[in-house]
């Protein structure tokens, strides 16, 4: 069975004593350590909203794609699907991201039902 990781909780614990700049630099490695500790072939990531924090200056999709080079990653997307795009937040929001759906599998539970 694949482990379920509450990303916000696990990363927050590890970044609590870090400065804003240290958090931005260390988050990818910390995430890899969290995922690697499971020793599973597949990992389920939930509560990934921390990836969108503008102070971290991350590209959430690139972060997940990098992680998926060594392990199968299933991430819960807290946004929406708009045609051929995955969208997080609204265009006027600082955390807004829009990604074309390509090179990865998107499962929309609303479409499956």
PDB file of N, CA and C in Angstrom:
ATOM      1  N   UNK A   1       0.840  -1.197   0.000  1.00  0.00           N
ATOM      2  CA  UNK A   1       0.000   0.000   0.000  1.00  0.00           C
ATOM      3  C   UNK A   1       0.878   1.250   0.000  1.00  0.00           C
ATOM      4  N   UNK A   2       0.517   2.223  -0.800  1.00  0.00           N
ATOM      5  CA  UNK A   2       1.291   3.463  -0.921  1.00  0.00           C
ATOM      6  C   UNK A   2       1.065   4.354   0.304  1.00  0.00           C
ATOM      7  N   UNK A   3       2.140   4.932   0.828  1.00  0.00           N
ATOM      8  CA  UNK A   3       1.988   5.836   1.975  1.00  0.00           C
ATOM      9  C   UNK A   3       1.352   7.161   1.546  1.00  0.00           C
ATOM     10  N   UNK A   4       0.559   7.737   2.441  1.00  0.00           N
ATOM     11  CA  UNK A   4      -0.064   9.037   2.217  1.00  0.00           C
ATOM     12  C   UNK A   4       0.696  10.065   3.038  1.00  0.00           C
ATOM     13  N   UNK A   5       1.211  11.090   2.374  1.00  0.00           N
ATOM     14  CA  UNK A   5       1.996  12.125   3.042  1.00  0.00           C
ATOM     15  C   UNK A   5       1.212  13.429   3.066  1.00  0.00           C
ATOM     16  N   UNK A   6       1.016  13.969   4.260  1.00  0.00           N
ATOM     17  CA  UNK A   6       0.436  15.299   4.415  1.00  0.00           C
ATOM     18  C   UNK A   6       1.599  16.281   4.250  1.00  0.00           C
ATOM     19  N   UNK A   7       1.781  16.786   3.046  1.00  0.00           N
ATOM     20  CA  UNK A   7       2.948  17.585   2.698  1.00  0.00           C
ATOM     21  C   UNK A   7       3.049  18.851   3.547  1.00  0.00           C
ATOM     22  N   UNK A   8       1.946  19.587   3.685  1.00  0.00           N
ATOM     23  CA  UNK A   8       1.987  20.822   4.484  1.00  0.00           C
ATOM     24  C   UNK A   8       2.483  20.542   5.892  1.00  0.00           C
ATOM     25  N   UNK A   9       1.974  19.508   6.520  1.00  0.00           N
ATOM     26  CA  UNK A   9       2.348  19.180   7.893  1.00  0.00           C
ATOM     27  C   UNK A   9       3.806  18.752   7.988  1.00  0.00           C
ATOM     28  N   UNK A  10       4.217  17.833   7.136  1.00  0.00           N
ATOM     29  CA  UNK A  10       5.584  17.311   7.203  1.00  0.00           C
ATOM     30  C   UNK A  10       6.628  18.378   6.888  1.00  0.00           C
ATOM     31  N   UNK A  11       6.387  19.172   5.859  1.00  0.00           N
ATOM     32  CA  UNK A  11       7.357  20.219   5.527  1.00  0.00           C
ATOM     33  C   UNK A  11       7.363  21.325   6.572  1.00  0.00           C
ATOM     34  N   UNK A  12       6.205  21.681   7.104  1.00  0.00           N
ATOM     35  CA  UNK A  12       6.134  22.724   8.124  1.00  0.00           C
ATOM     36  C   UNK A  12       6.946  22.332   9.350  1.00  0.00           C
ATOM     37  N   UNK A  13       6.859  21.088   9.745  1.00  0.00           N
ATOM     38  CA  UNK A  13       7.643  20.602  10.890  1.00  0.00           C
ATOM     39  C   UNK A  13       9.136  20.781  10.650  1.00  0.00           C
ATOM     40  N   UNK A  14       9.571  20.456   9.444  1.00  0.00           N
ATOM     41  CA  UNK A  14      10.994  20.493   9.127  1.00  0.00           C
ATOM     42  C   UNK A  14      11.521  21.902   8.847  1.00  0.00           C
ATOM     43  N   UNK A  15      10.639  22.813   8.467  1.00  0.00           N
ATOM     44  CA  UNK A  15      11.072  24.164   8.107  1.00  0.00           C
ATOM     45  C   UNK A  15      10.815  25.190   9.207  1.00  0.00           C
ATOM     46  N   UNK A  16      10.295  24.755  10.319  1.00  0.00           N
ATOM     47  CA  UNK A  16       9.896  25.659  11.393  1.00  0.00           C
ATOM     48  C   UNK A  16      11.019  26.602  11.831  1.00  0.00           C
ATOM     49  N   UNK A  17      12.226  26.101  11.971  1.00  0.00           N
ATOM     50  CA  UNK A  17      13.336  26.905  12.476  1.00  0.00           C
ATOM     51  C   UNK A  17      14.195  27.523  11.370  1.00  0.00           C
ATOM     52  N   UNK A  18      13.741  27.438  10.120  1.00  0.00           N
ATOM     53  CA  UNK A  18      14.508  27.972   9.002  1.00  0.00           C
ATOM     54  C   UNK A  18      14.046  29.380   8.638  1.00  0.00           C
ATOM     55  N   UNK A  19      14.958  30.166   8.094  1.00  0.00           N
ATOM     56  CA  UNK A  19      14.579  31.489   7.590  1.00  0.00           C
ATOM     57  C   UNK A  19      13.812  31.316   6.285  1.00  0.00           C
ATOM     58  N   UNK A  20      13.209  32.381   5.804  1.00  0.00           N
ATOM     59  CA  UNK A  20      12.450  32.326   4.547  1.00  0.00           C
ATOM     60  C   UNK A  20      13.351  31.878   3.394  1.00  0.00           C
ATOM     61  N   UNK A  21      14.549  32.410   3.334  1.00  0.00           N
ATOM     62  CA  UNK A  21      15.480  32.044   2.261  1.00  0.00           C
ATOM     63  C   UNK A  21      15.909  30.580   2.380  1.00  0.00           C
ATOM     64  N   UNK A  22      16.178  30.116   3.589  1.00  0.00           N
ATOM     65  CA  UNK A  22      16.559  28.716   3.796  1.00  0.00           C
ATOM     66  C   UNK A  22      15.423  27.780   3.399  1.00  0.00           C
ATOM     67  N   UNK A  23      14.198  28.185   3.687  1.00  0.00           N
ATOM     68  CA  UNK A  23      13.041  27.360   3.315  1.00  0.00           C
ATOM     69  C   UNK A  23      12.975  27.185   1.805  1.00  0.00           C
ATOM     70  N   UNK A  24      13.138  28.279   1.079  1.00  0.00           N
ATOM     71  CA  UNK A  24      13.074  28.231  -0.378  1.00  0.00           C
ATOM     72  C   UNK A  24      14.165  27.327  -0.947  1.00  0.00           C
ATOM     73  N   UNK A  25      15.339  27.378  -0.383  1.00  0.00           N
ATOM     74  CA  UNK A  25      16.456  26.582  -0.880  1.00  0.00           C
ATOM     75  C   UNK A  25      16.369  25.106  -0.495  1.00  0.00           C
ATOM     76  N   UNK A  26      15.865  24.832   0.683  1.00  0.00           N
ATOM     77  CA  UNK A  26      15.892  23.457   1.205  1.00  0.00           C
ATOM     78  C   UNK A  26      14.637  22.634   0.949  1.00  0.00           C
ATOM     79  N   UNK A  27      13.549  23.281   0.587  1.00  0.00           N
ATOM     80  CA  UNK A  27      12.294  22.547   0.434  1.00  0.00           C
ATOM     81  C   UNK A  27      12.398  21.354  -0.514  1.00  0.00           C
ATOM     82  N   UNK A  28      12.976  21.491  -1.707  1.00  0.00           N
ATOM     83  CA  UNK A  28      13.042  20.321  -2.591  1.00  0.00           C
ATOM     84  C   UNK A  28      13.772  19.133  -1.962  1.00  0.00           C
ATOM     85  N   UNK A  29      14.866  19.398  -1.272  1.00  0.00           N
ATOM     86  CA  UNK A  29      15.614  18.317  -0.629  1.00  0.00           C
ATOM     87  C   UNK A  29      14.827  17.720   0.532  1.00  0.00           C
ATOM     88  N   UNK A  30      14.185  18.574   1.320  1.00  0.00           N
ATOM     89  CA  UNK A  30      13.376  18.076   2.434  1.00  0.00           C
ATOM     90  C   UNK A  30      12.232  17.203   1.931  1.00  0.00           C
ATOM     91  N   UNK A  31      11.593  17.625   0.850  1.00  0.00           N
ATOM     92  CA  UNK A  31      10.511  16.834   0.282  1.00  0.00           C
ATOM     93  C   UNK A  31      11.032  15.482  -0.196  1.00  0.00           C
ATOM     94  N   UNK A  32      12.177  15.484  -0.850  1.00  0.00           N
ATOM     95  CA  UNK A  32      12.778  14.227  -1.318  1.00  0.00           C
ATOM     96  C   UNK A  32      13.098  13.303  -0.141  1.00  0.00           C
ATOM     97  N   UNK A  33      13.547  13.862   0.962  1.00  0.00           N
ATOM     98  CA  UNK A  33      13.827  13.059   2.154  1.00  0.00           C
ATOM     99  C   UNK A  33      12.552  12.459   2.731  1.00  0.00           C
ATOM    100  N   UNK A  34      11.503  13.249   2.778  1.00  0.00           N
ATOM    101  CA  UNK A  34      10.217  12.769   3.304  1.00  0.00           C
ATOM    102  C   UNK A  34       9.709  11.608   2.461  1.00  0.00           C
ATOM    103  N   UNK A  35       9.730  11.787   1.147  1.00  0.00           N
ATOM    104  CA  UNK A  35       9.240  10.763   0.227  1.00  0.00           C
ATOM    105  C   UNK A  35      10.156   9.540   0.255  1.00  0.00           C
ATOM    106  N   UNK A  36      11.452   9.771   0.283  1.00  0.00           N
ATOM    107  CA  UNK A  36      12.418   8.677   0.294  1.00  0.00           C
ATOM    108  C   UNK A  36      12.365   7.827   1.547  1.00  0.00           C
ATOM    109  N   UNK A  37      11.935   8.400   2.651  1.00  0.00           N
ATOM    110  CA  UNK A  37      11.855   7.661   3.915  1.00  0.00           C
ATOM    111  C   UNK A  37      10.838   6.534   3.858  1.00  0.00           C
ATOM    112  N   UNK A  38       9.901   6.609   2.934  1.00  0.00           N
ATOM    113  CA  UNK A  38       8.859   5.584   2.854  1.00  0.00           C
ATOM    114  C   UNK A  38       9.361   4.302   2.199  1.00  0.00           C
ATOM    115  N   UNK A  39      10.396   4.392   1.378  1.00  0.00           N
ATOM    116  CA  UNK A  39      10.952   3.239   0.647  1.00  0.00           C
ATOM    117  C   UNK A  39       9.891   2.529  -0.190  1.00  0.00           C
ATOM    118  N   UNK A  40       8.874   3.251  -0.621  1.00  0.00           N
ATOM    119  CA  UNK A  40       7.810   2.682  -1.456  1.00  0.00           C
ATOM    120  C   UNK A  40       8.046   3.070  -2.910  1.00  0.00           C
ATOM    121  N   UNK A  41       7.418   2.331  -3.822  1.00  0.00           N
ATOM    122  CA  UNK A  41       7.521   2.639  -5.256  1.00  0.00           C
ATOM    123  C   UNK A  41       6.555   3.742  -5.674  1.00  0.00           C
ATOM    124  N   UNK A  42       5.501   3.938  -4.870  1.00  0.00           N
ATOM    125  CA  UNK A  42       4.475   4.942  -5.136  1.00  0.00           C
ATOM    126  C   UNK A  42       4.228   5.714  -3.853  1.00  0.00           C
ATOM    127  N   UNK A  43       4.077   7.020  -3.960  1.00  0.00           N
ATOM    128  CA  UNK A  43       3.754   7.830  -2.796  1.00  0.00           C
ATOM    129  C   UNK A  43       2.584   8.746  -3.145  1.00  0.00           C
ATOM    130  N   UNK A  44       1.679   8.910  -2.194  1.00  0.00           N
ATOM    131  CA  UNK A  44       0.505   9.772  -2.355  1.00  0.00           C
ATOM    132  C   UNK A  44       0.754  11.063  -1.583  1.00  0.00           C
ATOM    133  N   UNK A  45       0.677  12.188  -2.271  1.00  0.00           N
ATOM    134  CA  UNK A  45       0.912  13.487  -1.646  1.00  0.00           C
ATOM    135  C   UNK A  45      -0.403  14.248  -1.543  1.00  0.00           C
ATOM    136  N   UNK A  46      -0.716  14.676  -0.341  1.00  0.00           N
ATOM    137  CA  UNK A  46      -1.932  15.443  -0.105  1.00  0.00           C
ATOM    138  C   UNK A  46      -1.552  16.737   0.595  1.00  0.00           C
ATOM    139  N   UNK A  47      -2.429  17.718   0.529  1.00  0.00           N
ATOM    140  CA  UNK A  47      -2.195  19.018   1.164  1.00  0.00           C
ATOM    141  C   UNK A  47      -0.891  19.638   0.673  1.00  0.00           C
ATOM    142  N   UNK A  48      -0.806  19.866  -0.619  1.00  0.00           N
ATOM    143  CA  UNK A  48       0.414  20.382  -1.241  1.00  0.00           C
ATOM    144  C   UNK A  48       0.402  21.907  -1.404  1.00  0.00           C
ATOM    145  N   UNK A  49      -0.504  22.580  -0.739  1.00  0.00           N
ATOM    146  CA  UNK A  49      -0.652  24.028  -0.901  1.00  0.00           C
ATOM    147  C   UNK A  49       0.627  24.800  -0.584  1.00  0.00           C
ATOM    148  N   UNK A  50       1.471  24.282   0.269  1.00  0.00           N
ATOM    149  CA  UNK A  50       2.726  24.959   0.614  1.00  0.00           C
ATOM    150  C   UNK A  50       3.591  25.197  -0.621  1.00  0.00           C
ATOM    151  N   UNK A  51       3.490  24.341  -1.630  1.00  0.00           N
ATOM    152  CA  UNK A  51       4.275  24.504  -2.857  1.00  0.00           C
ATOM    153  C   UNK A  51       3.976  25.826  -3.555  1.00  0.00           C
ATOM    154  N   UNK A  52       2.790  26.382  -3.337  1.00  0.00           N
ATOM    155  CA  UNK A  52       2.348  27.585  -4.029  1.00  0.00           C
ATOM    156  C   UNK A  52       2.656  28.872  -3.258  1.00  0.00           C
ATOM    157  N   UNK A  53       3.214  28.746  -2.077  1.00  0.00           N
ATOM    158  CA  UNK A  53       3.561  29.918  -1.270  1.00  0.00           C
ATOM    159  C   UNK A  53       4.549  30.774  -2.059  1.00  0.00           C
ATOM    160  N   UNK A  54       4.177  32.004  -2.379  1.00  0.00           N
ATOM    161  CA  UNK A  54       5.013  32.860  -3.233  1.00  0.00           C
ATOM    162  C   UNK A  54       6.374  33.151  -2.620  1.00  0.00           C
ATOM    163  N   UNK A  55       6.476  33.132  -1.303  1.00  0.00           N
ATOM    164  CA  UNK A  55       7.768  33.414  -0.664  1.00  0.00           C
ATOM    165  C   UNK A  55       8.793  32.315  -0.938  1.00  0.00           C
ATOM    166  N   UNK A  56       8.326  31.120  -1.297  1.00  0.00           N
ATOM    167  CA  UNK A  56       9.235  30.009  -1.580  1.00  0.00           C
ATOM    168  C   UNK A  56       9.785  30.043  -3.004  1.00  0.00           C
ATOM    169  N   UNK A  57       9.144  30.816  -3.878  1.00  0.00           N
ATOM    170  CA  UNK A  57       9.598  30.987  -5.265  1.00  0.00           C
ATOM    171  C   UNK A  57       9.801  29.646  -5.973  1.00  0.00           C
ATOM    172  N   UNK A  58       8.824  28.755  -5.830  1.00  0.00           N
ATOM    173  CA  UNK A  58       8.894  27.433  -6.439  1.00  0.00           C
ATOM    174  C   UNK A  58       8.002  27.337  -7.663  1.00  0.00           C
ATOM    175  N   UNK A  59       8.330  26.403  -8.516  1.00  0.00           N
ATOM    176  CA  UNK A  59       7.431  25.989  -9.581  1.00  0.00           C
ATOM    177  C   UNK A  59       6.880  24.639  -9.124  1.00  0.00           C
ATOM    178  N   UNK A  60       5.663  24.606  -8.581  1.00  0.00           N
ATOM    179  CA  UNK A  60       5.127  23.366  -8.009  1.00  0.00           C
ATOM    180  C   UNK A  60       5.148  22.171  -8.959  1.00  0.00           C
ATOM    181  N   UNK A  61       4.790  22.384 -10.206  1.00  0.00           N
ATOM    182  CA  UNK A  61       4.768  21.266 -11.149  1.00  0.00           C
ATOM    183  C   UNK A  61       6.180  20.745 -11.400  1.00  0.00           C
ATOM    184  N   UNK A  62       7.118  21.616 -11.583  1.00  0.00           N
ATOM    185  CA  UNK A  62       8.512  21.210 -11.792  1.00  0.00           C
ATOM    186  C   UNK A  62       9.039  20.446 -10.568  1.00  0.00           C
ATOM    187  N   UNK A  63       8.669  20.895  -9.387  1.00  0.00           N
ATOM    188  CA  UNK A  63       9.064  20.212  -8.151  1.00  0.00           C
ATOM    189  C   UNK A  63       8.540  18.776  -8.142  1.00  0.00           C
ATOM    190  N   UNK A  64       7.275  18.605  -8.478  1.00  0.00           N
ATOM    191  CA  UNK A  64       6.675  17.264  -8.508  1.00  0.00           C
ATOM    192  C   UNK A  64       7.272  16.404  -9.622  1.00  0.00           C
ATOM    193  N   UNK A  65       7.535  17.001 -10.766  1.00  0.00           N
ATOM    194  CA  UNK A  65       8.129  16.248 -11.864  1.00  0.00           C
ATOM    195  C   UNK A  65       9.539  15.783 -11.504  1.00  0.00           C
ATOM    196  N   UNK A  66      10.297  16.623 -10.829  1.00  0.00           N
ATOM    197  CA  UNK A  66      11.633  16.227 -10.389  1.00  0.00           C
ATOM    198  C   UNK A  66      11.583  15.087  -9.405  1.00  0.00           C
ATOM    199  N   UNK A  67      10.636  15.142  -8.513  1.00  0.00           N
ATOM    200  CA  UNK A  67      10.454  14.086  -7.522  1.00  0.00           C
ATOM    201  C   UNK A  67      10.041  12.783  -8.195  1.00  0.00           C
ATOM    202  N   UNK A  68       9.277  12.878  -9.262  1.00  0.00           N
ATOM    203  CA  UNK A  68       8.745  11.685  -9.924  1.00  0.00           C
ATOM    204  C   UNK A  68       9.775  10.961 -10.794  1.00  0.00           C
ATOM    205  N   UNK A  69      10.976  11.481 -10.878  1.00  0.00           N
ATOM    206  CA  UNK A  69      12.013  10.792 -11.651  1.00  0.00           C
ATOM    207  C   UNK A  69      12.470   9.512 -10.966  1.00  0.00           C
ATOM    208  N   UNK A  70      12.320   9.449  -9.644  1.00  0.00           N
ATOM    209  CA  UNK A  70      12.802   8.297  -8.878  1.00  0.00           C
ATOM    210  C   UNK A  70      11.678   7.450  -8.295  1.00  0.00           C
ATOM    211  N   UNK A  71      10.468   7.985  -8.278  1.00  0.00           N
ATOM    212  CA  UNK A  71       9.341   7.307  -7.633  1.00  0.00           C
ATOM    213  C   UNK A  71       8.051   7.778  -8.310  1.00  0.00           C
ATOM    214  N   UNK A  72       7.035   6.936  -8.306  1.00  0.00           N
ATOM    215  CA  UNK A  72       5.740   7.348  -8.855  1.00  0.00           C
ATOM    216  C   UNK A  72       5.049   8.247  -7.835  1.00  0.00           C
ATOM    217  N   UNK A  73       4.665   9.428  -8.272  1.00  0.00           N
ATOM    218  CA  UNK A  73       4.049  10.419  -7.394  1.00  0.00           C
ATOM    219  C   UNK A  73       2.596  10.621  -7.807  1.00  0.00           C
ATOM    220  N   UNK A  74       1.711  10.504  -6.841  1.00  0.00           N
ATOM    221  CA  UNK A  74       0.297  10.818  -7.036  1.00  0.00           C
ATOM    222  C   UNK A  74       0.011  11.992  -6.107  1.00  0.00           C
ATOM    223  N   UNK A  75      -0.263  13.151  -6.692  1.00  0.00           N
ATOM    224  CA  UNK A  75      -0.470  14.360  -5.893  1.00  0.00           C
ATOM    225  C   UNK A  75      -1.898  14.855  -6.043  1.00  0.00           C
ATOM    226  N   UNK A  76      -2.507  15.201  -4.927  1.00  0.00           N
ATOM    227  CA  UNK A  76      -3.844  15.800  -4.944  1.00  0.00           C
ATOM    228  C   UNK A  76      -3.686  17.266  -5.344  1.00  0.00           C
ATOM    229  N   UNK A  77      -4.346  17.651  -6.414  1.00  0.00           N
ATOM    230  CA  UNK A  77      -4.276  19.018  -6.919  1.00  0.00           C
ATOM    231  C   UNK A  77      -5.411  19.817  -6.314  1.00  0.00           C
ATOM    232  N   UNK A  78      -5.094  20.865  -5.594  1.00  0.00           N
ATOM    233  CA  UNK A  78      -6.109  21.672  -4.909  1.00  0.00           C
ATOM    234  C   UNK A  78      -6.680  22.762  -5.796  1.00  0.00           C
ATOM    235  N   UNK A  79      -6.569  22.562  -7.071  1.00  0.00           N
ATOM    236  CA  UNK A  79      -7.085  23.546  -8.011  1.00  0.00           C
ATOM    237  C   UNK A  79      -8.196  22.956  -8.842  1.00  0.00           C
ATOM    238  N   UNK A  80      -8.206  23.309 -10.108  1.00  0.00           N
ATOM    239  CA  UNK A  80      -9.259  22.834 -10.993  1.00  0.00           C
ATOM    240  C   UNK A  80      -8.663  22.474 -12.351  1.00  0.00           C
ATOM    241  N   UNK A  81      -9.480  21.824 -13.161  1.00  0.00           N
ATOM    242  CA  UNK A  81      -9.119  21.505 -14.531  1.00  0.00           C
ATOM    243  C   UNK A  81      -9.972  22.398 -15.424  1.00  0.00           C
ATOM    244  N   UNK A  82      -9.312  23.147 -16.294  1.00  0.00           N
ATOM    245  CA  UNK A  82     -10.002  24.056 -17.204  1.00  0.00           C
ATOM    246  C   UNK A  82      -9.588  23.691 -18.622  1.00  0.00           C
ATOM    247  N   UNK A  83     -10.363  22.835 -19.251  1.00  0.00           N
ATOM    248  CA  UNK A  83     -10.022  22.376 -20.590  1.00  0.00           C
ATOM    249  C   UNK A  83      -8.755  21.554 -20.572  1.00  0.00           C
ATOM    250  N   UNK A  84      -7.724  22.037 -21.224  1.00  0.00           N
ATOM    251  CA  UNK A  84      -6.434  21.341 -21.295  1.00  0.00           C
ATOM    252  C   UNK A  84      -5.429  21.886 -20.283  1.00  0.00           C
ATOM    253  N   UNK A  85      -5.923  22.545 -19.227  1.00  0.00           N
ATOM    254  CA  UNK A  85      -5.038  23.157 -18.240  1.00  0.00           C
ATOM    255  C   UNK A  85      -5.435  22.793 -16.816  1.00  0.00           C
ATOM    256  N   UNK A  86      -4.425  22.651 -15.978  1.00  0.00           N
ATOM    257  CA  UNK A  86      -4.628  22.561 -14.535  1.00  0.00           C
ATOM    258  C   UNK A  86      -4.427  23.975 -13.999  1.00  0.00           C
ATOM    259  N   UNK A  87      -5.336  24.422 -13.150  1.00  0.00           N
ATOM    260  CA  UNK A  87      -5.292  25.800 -12.663  1.00  0.00           C
ATOM    261  C   UNK A  87      -5.307  25.785 -11.140  1.00  0.00           C
ATOM    262  N   UNK A  88      -4.482  26.638 -10.558  1.00  0.00           N
ATOM    263  CA  UNK A  88      -4.474  26.817  -9.107  1.00  0.00           C
ATOM    264  C   UNK A  88      -4.704  28.292  -8.829  1.00  0.00           C
ATOM    265  N   UNK A  89      -5.722  28.606  -8.061  1.00  0.00           N
ATOM    266  CA  UNK A  89      -6.107  29.968  -7.687  1.00  0.00           C
ATOM    267  C   UNK A  89      -6.697  30.702  -8.899  1.00  0.00           C
ATOM    268  N   UNK A  90      -6.950  31.968  -8.739  1.00  0.00           N
ATOM    269  CA  UNK A  90      -7.516  32.784  -9.810  1.00  0.00           C
ATOM    270  C   UNK A  90      -6.428  33.710 -10.352  1.00  0.00           C
ATOM    271  N   UNK A  91      -6.575  34.176 -11.586  1.00  0.00           N
ATOM    272  CA  UNK A  91      -5.514  34.998 -12.189  1.00  0.00           C
ATOM    273  C   UNK A  91      -5.102  36.220 -11.371  1.00  0.00           C
ATOM    274  N   UNK A  92      -5.999  36.761 -10.574  1.00  0.00           N
ATOM    275  CA  UNK A  92      -5.653  37.939  -9.777  1.00  0.00           C
ATOM    276  C   UNK A  92      -5.003  37.599  -8.439  1.00  0.00           C
ATOM    277  N   UNK A  93      -4.839  36.309  -8.139  1.00  0.00           N
ATOM    278  CA  UNK A  93      -4.254  35.865  -6.870  1.00  0.00           C
ATOM    279  C   UNK A  93      -2.747  35.684  -7.026  1.00  0.00           C
ATOM    280  N   UNK A  94      -1.942  36.057  -6.005  1.00  0.00           N
ATOM    281  CA  UNK A  94      -0.481  35.932  -6.131  1.00  0.00           C
ATOM    282  C   UNK A  94       0.013  34.488  -6.323  1.00  0.00           C
ATOM    283  N   UNK A  95      -0.766  33.510  -5.889  1.00  0.00           N
ATOM    284  CA  UNK A  95      -0.355  32.109  -6.010  1.00  0.00           C
ATOM    285  C   UNK A  95      -0.846  31.447  -7.298  1.00  0.00           C
ATOM    286  N   UNK A  96      -1.426  32.214  -8.183  1.00  0.00           N
ATOM    287  CA  UNK A  96      -2.001  31.689  -9.424  1.00  0.00           C
ATOM    288  C   UNK A  96      -0.963  30.934 -10.255  1.00  0.00           C
ATOM    289  N   UNK A  97      -1.356  29.736 -10.687  1.00  0.00           N
ATOM    290  CA  UNK A  97      -0.539  28.929 -11.601  1.00  0.00           C
ATOM    291  C   UNK A  97      -1.480  28.276 -12.607  1.00  0.00           C
ATOM    292  N   UNK A  98      -0.989  28.121 -13.839  1.00  0.00           N
ATOM    293  CA  UNK A  98      -1.764  27.468 -14.900  1.00  0.00           C
ATOM    294  C   UNK A  98      -0.790  26.629 -15.708  1.00  0.00           C
ATOM    295  N   UNK A  99      -1.072  25.324 -15.779  1.00  0.00           N
ATOM    296  CA  UNK A  99      -0.188  24.393 -16.458  1.00  0.00           C
ATOM    297  C   UNK A  99      -0.944  23.601 -17.515  1.00  0.00           C
ATOM    298  N   UNK A 100      -0.352  23.459 -18.705  1.00  0.00           N
ATOM    299  CA  UNK A 100      -0.980  22.584 -19.698  1.00  0.00           C
ATOM    300  C   UNK A 100      -0.894  21.130 -19.233  1.00  0.00           C
ATOM    301  N   UNK A 101      -1.942  20.391 -19.513  1.00  0.00           N
ATOM    302  CA  UNK A 101      -1.966  18.971 -19.155  1.00  0.00           C
ATOM    303  C   UNK A 101      -1.271  18.206 -20.274  1.00  0.00           C
ATOM    304  N   UNK A 102      -0.056  17.801 -20.010  1.00  0.00           N
ATOM    305  CA  UNK A 102       0.706  16.993 -20.966  1.00  0.00           C
ATOM    306  C   UNK A 102       1.826  16.302 -20.192  1.00  0.00           C
ATOM    307  N   UNK A 103       2.246  15.192 -20.700  1.00  0.00           N
ATOM    308  CA  UNK A 103       3.350  14.430 -20.117  1.00  0.00           C
ATOM    309  C   UNK A 103       3.062  13.890 -18.713  1.00  0.00           C
ATOM    310  N   UNK A 104       1.825  13.933 -18.275  1.00  0.00           N
ATOM    311  CA  UNK A 104       1.465  13.304 -17.007  1.00  0.00           C
ATOM    312  C   UNK A 104      -0.010  12.947 -17.032  1.00  0.00           C
ATOM    313  N   UNK A 105      -0.365  12.049 -16.167  1.00  0.00           N
ATOM    314  CA  UNK A 105      -1.741  11.559 -16.110  1.00  0.00           C
ATOM    315  C   UNK A 105      -2.539  12.363 -15.096  1.00  0.00           C
ATOM    316  N   UNK A 106      -3.687  12.851 -15.509  1.00  0.00           N
ATOM    317  CA  UNK A 106      -4.598  13.572 -14.629  1.00  0.00           C
ATOM    318  C   UNK A 106      -5.851  12.738 -14.471  1.00  0.00           C
ATOM    319  N   UNK A 107      -6.194  12.459 -13.220  1.00  0.00           N
ATOM    320  CA  UNK A 107      -7.424  11.739 -12.922  1.00  0.00           C
ATOM    321  C   UNK A 107      -8.339  12.704 -12.191  1.00  0.00           C
ATOM    322  N   UNK A 108      -9.480  12.951 -12.781  1.00  0.00           N
ATOM    323  CA  UNK A 108     -10.451  13.854 -12.186  1.00  0.00           C
ATOM    324  C   UNK A 108     -11.591  12.998 -11.633  1.00  0.00           C
ATOM    325  N   UNK A 109     -11.689  12.899 -10.288  1.00  0.00           N
ATOM    326  CA  UNK A 109     -12.735  12.040  -9.708  1.00  0.00           C
ATOM    327  C   UNK A 109     -14.146  12.443 -10.122  1.00  0.00           C
ATOM    328  N   UNK A 110     -14.365  13.718 -10.417  1.00  0.00           N
ATOM    329  CA  UNK A 110     -15.692  14.168 -10.842  1.00  0.00           C
ATOM    330  C   UNK A 110     -16.042  13.594 -12.212  1.00  0.00           C
ATOM    331  N   UNK A 111     -15.046  13.419 -13.060  1.00  0.00           N
ATOM    332  CA  UNK A 111     -15.278  12.890 -14.401  1.00  0.00           C
ATOM    333  C   UNK A 111     -15.429  11.370 -14.377  1.00  0.00           C
ATOM    334  N   UNK A 112     -14.879  10.717 -13.352  1.00  0.00           N
ATOM    335  CA  UNK A 112     -14.932   9.266 -13.240  1.00  0.00           C
ATOM    336  C   UNK A 112     -16.304   8.782 -12.772  1.00  0.00           C
ATOM    337  N   UNK A 113     -16.941   9.556 -11.930  1.00  0.00           N
ATOM    338  CA  UNK A 113     -18.207   9.146 -11.319  1.00  0.00           C
ATOM    339  C   UNK A 113     -19.328   8.986 -12.295  1.00  0.00           C
TER     340      UNK A 113
END
